[in-house]
Amino acid sequence: QLEESGGELVQPGGSLRLSCAVSRFQLTYYSIGWFRQAPGREREGVSCFSRSNGRTDYSDSVKGRFTISRDNAENKMYLQMNALRPEDTAVYYCAAKLENLCSLQQSDYDDWGQGTQVTVSS
């Protein structure tokens, strides 16, 4: 089970840190990802973190602004979002898959959270 938190209303240029708490399995063995879905749009991959080599990947739209991290001891993952823009407004989801390498394809992931709303607006 995965549960996101940290979403809220923030002004353009602001920052937010999303958290995802994992229960019922050990995050150590999983590659993880963050996805988002804006109204009227398909869910898209934002960032991911491979369990085997620590490689991270980001979509072009967030590269340089967002940072993914994980704390295997606490069984949590995070998404630090800086320089937020109105187009970042979406429901954000964390996901995990029992594989060595991560991807930004939602179909690759087996476990999902319920989502947290991020709204960027003045």
C-alpha atoms as a PDB file:
ATOM      1  CA  GLN A   1       0.000   0.000   0.000  1.00  0.00           C
ATOM      2  CA  LEU A   2       1.223   3.486  -0.888  1.00  0.00           C
ATOM      3  CA  GLU A   3      -0.090   6.764   0.489  1.00  0.00           C
ATOM      4  CA  GLU A   4       0.855  10.200  -0.828  1.00  0.00           C
ATOM      5  CA  SER A   5       0.798  13.438   1.133  1.00  0.00           C
ATOM      6  CA  GLY A   6       2.004  16.991   0.784  1.00  0.00           C
ATOM      7  CA  GLY A   7      -0.112  18.272  -2.055  1.00  0.00           C
ATOM      8  CA  GLU A   8      -1.640  21.737  -1.660  1.00  0.00           C
ATOM      9  CA  LEU A   9      -2.217  25.096  -3.295  1.00  0.00           C
ATOM     10  CA  VAL A  10       1.011  26.962  -3.998  1.00  0.00           C
ATOM     11  CA  GLN A  11       1.875  30.124  -5.907  1.00  0.00           C
ATOM     12  CA  PRO A  12       3.891  30.008  -9.127  1.00  0.00           C
ATOM     13  CA  GLY A  13       7.581  29.873  -8.353  1.00  0.00           C
ATOM     14  CA  GLY A  14       6.953  28.143  -5.051  1.00  0.00           C
ATOM     15  CA  SER A  15       8.064  24.748  -3.764  1.00  0.00           C
ATOM     16  CA  LEU A  16       6.426  21.641  -2.410  1.00  0.00           C
ATOM     17  CA  ARG A  17       7.680  18.322  -1.131  1.00  0.00           C
ATOM     18  CA  LEU A  18       5.499  15.315  -1.743  1.00  0.00           C
ATOM     19  CA  SER A  19       5.869  12.225   0.394  1.00  0.00           C
ATOM     20  CA  CYS A  20       4.805   8.656  -0.191  1.00  0.00           C
ATOM     21  CA  ALA A  21       4.637   6.246   2.717  1.00  0.00           C
ATOM     22  CA  VAL A  22       4.851   2.572   1.863  1.00  0.00           C
ATOM     23  CA  SER A  23       3.382  -0.208   3.949  1.00  0.00           C
ATOM     24  CA  ARG A  24       2.997  -3.976   3.532  1.00  0.00           C
ATOM     25  CA  PHE A  25       6.209  -4.353   1.529  1.00  0.00           C
ATOM     26  CA  GLN A  26       9.854  -3.329   1.758  1.00  0.00           C
ATOM     27  CA  LEU A  27      10.629  -0.439  -0.556  1.00  0.00           C
ATOM     28  CA  THR A  28      14.263  -1.577  -0.745  1.00  0.00           C
ATOM     29  CA  TYR A  29      13.373  -4.194  -3.336  1.00  0.00           C
ATOM     30  CA  TYR A  30      11.395  -1.874  -5.591  1.00  0.00           C
ATOM     31  CA  SER A  31      12.055   0.725  -8.212  1.00  0.00           C
ATOM     32  CA  ILE A  32       9.827   3.734  -7.720  1.00  0.00           C
ATOM     33  CA  GLY A  33       8.181   6.449  -9.738  1.00  0.00           C
ATOM     34  CA  TRP A  34       6.108   9.595  -9.517  1.00  0.00           C
ATOM     35  CA  PHE A  35       3.359  10.263 -12.026  1.00  0.00           C
ATOM     36  CA  ARG A  36       0.803  13.001 -12.486  1.00  0.00           C
ATOM     37  CA  GLN A  37      -2.522  13.504 -14.188  1.00  0.00           C
ATOM     38  CA  ALA A  38      -3.938  16.877 -15.082  1.00  0.00           C
ATOM     39  CA  PRO A  39      -7.650  17.354 -15.859  1.00  0.00           C
ATOM     40  CA  GLY A  40      -8.479  16.086 -19.326  1.00  0.00           C
ATOM     41  CA  ARG A  41      -5.035  14.613 -19.858  1.00  0.00           C
ATOM     42  CA  GLU A  42      -3.487  11.183 -19.605  1.00  0.00           C
ATOM     43  CA  ARG A  43      -1.337  10.205 -16.670  1.00  0.00           C
ATOM     44  CA  GLU A  44       2.317  10.941 -17.361  1.00  0.00           C
ATOM     45  CA  GLY A  45       5.587   9.888 -15.807  1.00  0.00           C
ATOM     46  CA  VAL A  46       7.400  12.627 -13.918  1.00  0.00           C
ATOM     47  CA  SER A  47      10.371  10.927 -12.311  1.00  0.00           C
ATOM     48  CA  CYS A  48      11.686   7.532 -11.301  1.00  0.00           C
ATOM     49  CA  PHE A  49      14.443   5.947  -9.202  1.00  0.00           C
ATOM     50  CA  SER A  50      15.958   2.546  -9.930  1.00  0.00           C
ATOM     51  CA  ARG A  51      16.626   0.253  -6.999  1.00  0.00           C
ATOM     52  CA  SER A  52      19.665  -1.480  -8.483  1.00  0.00           C
ATOM     53  CA  ASN A  53      21.970   1.361  -9.499  1.00  0.00           C
ATOM     54  CA  GLY A  54      20.368   4.462  -8.036  1.00  0.00           C
ATOM     55  CA  ARG A  55      19.741   5.913 -11.469  1.00  0.00           C
ATOM     56  CA  THR A  56      17.095   8.609 -11.639  1.00  0.00           C
ATOM     57  CA  ASP A  57      15.138   9.834 -14.625  1.00  0.00           C
ATOM     58  CA  TYR A  58      12.949  12.871 -15.210  1.00  0.00           C
ATOM     59  CA  SER A  59      10.528  14.030 -17.842  1.00  0.00           C
ATOM     60  CA  ASP A  60      11.755  16.987 -19.855  1.00  0.00           C
ATOM     61  CA  SER A  61       9.038  19.182 -18.383  1.00  0.00           C
ATOM     62  CA  VAL A  62      10.367  18.859 -14.818  1.00  0.00           C
ATOM     63  CA  LYS A  63      14.076  18.264 -15.347  1.00  0.00           C
ATOM     64  CA  GLY A  64      16.133  20.667 -13.275  1.00  0.00           C
ATOM     65  CA  ARG A  65      13.170  21.619 -11.072  1.00  0.00           C
ATOM     66  CA  PHE A  66      12.064  18.344  -9.450  1.00  0.00           C
ATOM     67  CA  THR A  67      14.142  15.882  -7.436  1.00  0.00           C
ATOM     68  CA  ILE A  68      13.147  12.335  -6.527  1.00  0.00           C
ATOM     69  CA  SER A  69      14.547  10.626  -3.466  1.00  0.00           C
ATOM     70  CA  ARG A  70      13.922   7.613  -1.289  1.00  0.00           C
ATOM     71  CA  ASP A  71      14.532   6.525   2.268  1.00  0.00           C
ATOM     72  CA  ASN A  72      14.511   2.744   2.340  1.00  0.00           C
ATOM     73  CA  ALA A  73      14.946   2.641   6.106  1.00  0.00           C
ATOM     74  CA  GLU A  74      11.806   4.715   6.586  1.00  0.00           C
ATOM     75  CA  ASN A  75      10.040   3.010   3.674  1.00  0.00           C
ATOM     76  CA  LYS A  76       9.261   6.352   2.076  1.00  0.00           C
ATOM     77  CA  MET A  77       9.836   8.170  -1.185  1.00  0.00           C
ATOM     78  CA  TYR A  78       9.767  11.871  -1.919  1.00  0.00           C
ATOM     79  CA  LEU A  79       9.391  14.358  -4.729  1.00  0.00           C
ATOM     80  CA  GLN A  80      10.872  17.803  -4.140  1.00  0.00           C
ATOM     81  CA  MET A  81       9.280  20.275  -6.541  1.00  0.00           C
ATOM     82  CA  ASN A  82      10.796  23.716  -7.032  1.00  0.00           C
ATOM     83  CA  ALA A  83      10.018  26.612  -9.345  1.00  0.00           C
ATOM     84  CA  LEU A  84       6.471  25.362  -9.724  1.00  0.00           C
ATOM     85  CA  ARG A  85       4.419  26.474 -12.702  1.00  0.00           C
ATOM     86  CA  PRO A  86       0.658  26.503 -13.314  1.00  0.00           C
ATOM     87  CA  GLU A  87       1.134  23.658 -15.793  1.00  0.00           C
ATOM     88  CA  ASP A  88       2.394  21.482 -12.933  1.00  0.00           C
ATOM     89  CA  THR A  89      -1.135  21.452 -11.544  1.00  0.00           C
ATOM     90  CA  ALA A  90      -2.258  17.826 -11.373  1.00  0.00           C
ATOM     91  CA  VAL A  91      -2.967  14.893  -9.116  1.00  0.00           C
ATOM     92  CA  TYR A  92       0.373  13.321  -8.280  1.00  0.00           C
ATOM     93  CA  TYR A  93       0.755   9.578  -7.742  1.00  0.00           C
ATOM     94  CA  CYS A  94       3.574   7.470  -6.376  1.00  0.00           C
ATOM     95  CA  ALA A  95       4.132   3.978  -7.733  1.00  0.00           C
ATOM     96  CA  ALA A  96       6.426   1.016  -7.206  1.00  0.00           C
ATOM     97  CA  LYS A  97       7.491  -2.031  -9.180  1.00  0.00           C
ATOM     98  CA  LEU A  98       9.472  -5.099  -8.181  1.00  0.00           C
ATOM     99  CA  GLU A  99      12.219  -4.646 -10.761  1.00  0.00           C
ATOM    100  CA  ASN A 100      15.784  -3.409 -10.844  1.00  0.00           C
ATOM    101  CA  LEU A 101      15.288  -0.531 -13.242  1.00  0.00           C
ATOM    102  CA  CYS A 102      12.676   2.188 -13.188  1.00  0.00           C
ATOM    103  CA  SER A 103      10.783   3.697 -16.092  1.00  0.00           C
ATOM    104  CA  LEU A 104       8.385   6.530 -16.788  1.00  0.00           C
ATOM    105  CA  GLN A 105       5.763   4.189 -18.251  1.00  0.00           C
ATOM    106  CA  GLN A 106       2.769   3.794 -15.981  1.00  0.00           C
ATOM    107  CA  SER A 107       1.963   0.363 -17.387  1.00  0.00           C
ATOM    108  CA  ASP A 108       5.209  -0.943 -15.888  1.00  0.00           C
ATOM    109  CA  TYR A 109       4.077  -0.327 -12.301  1.00  0.00           C
ATOM    110  CA  ASP A 110       2.074  -2.658 -10.124  1.00  0.00           C
ATOM    111  CA  ASP A 111       1.445  -0.707  -6.938  1.00  0.00           C
ATOM    112  CA  TRP A 112      -0.083   2.763  -6.782  1.00  0.00           C
ATOM    113  CA  GLY A 113      -1.151   5.348  -4.283  1.00  0.00           C
ATOM    114  CA  GLN A 114      -4.460   7.213  -4.370  1.00  0.00           C
ATOM    115  CA  GLY A 115      -2.928  10.540  -5.359  1.00  0.00           C
ATOM    116  CA  THR A 116      -2.478  13.991  -3.866  1.00  0.00           C
ATOM    117  CA  GLN A 117      -3.645  17.231  -5.475  1.00  0.00           C
ATOM    118  CA  VAL A 118      -1.092  19.883  -6.363  1.00  0.00           C
ATOM    119  CA  THR A 119      -2.474  23.219  -7.538  1.00  0.00           C
ATOM    120  CA  VAL A 120      -0.173  25.983  -8.733  1.00  0.00           C
ATOM    121  CA  SER A 121      -2.026  29.259  -8.972  1.00  0.00           C
ATOM    122  CA  SER A 122      -1.817  32.867  -7.868  1.00  0.00           C
END
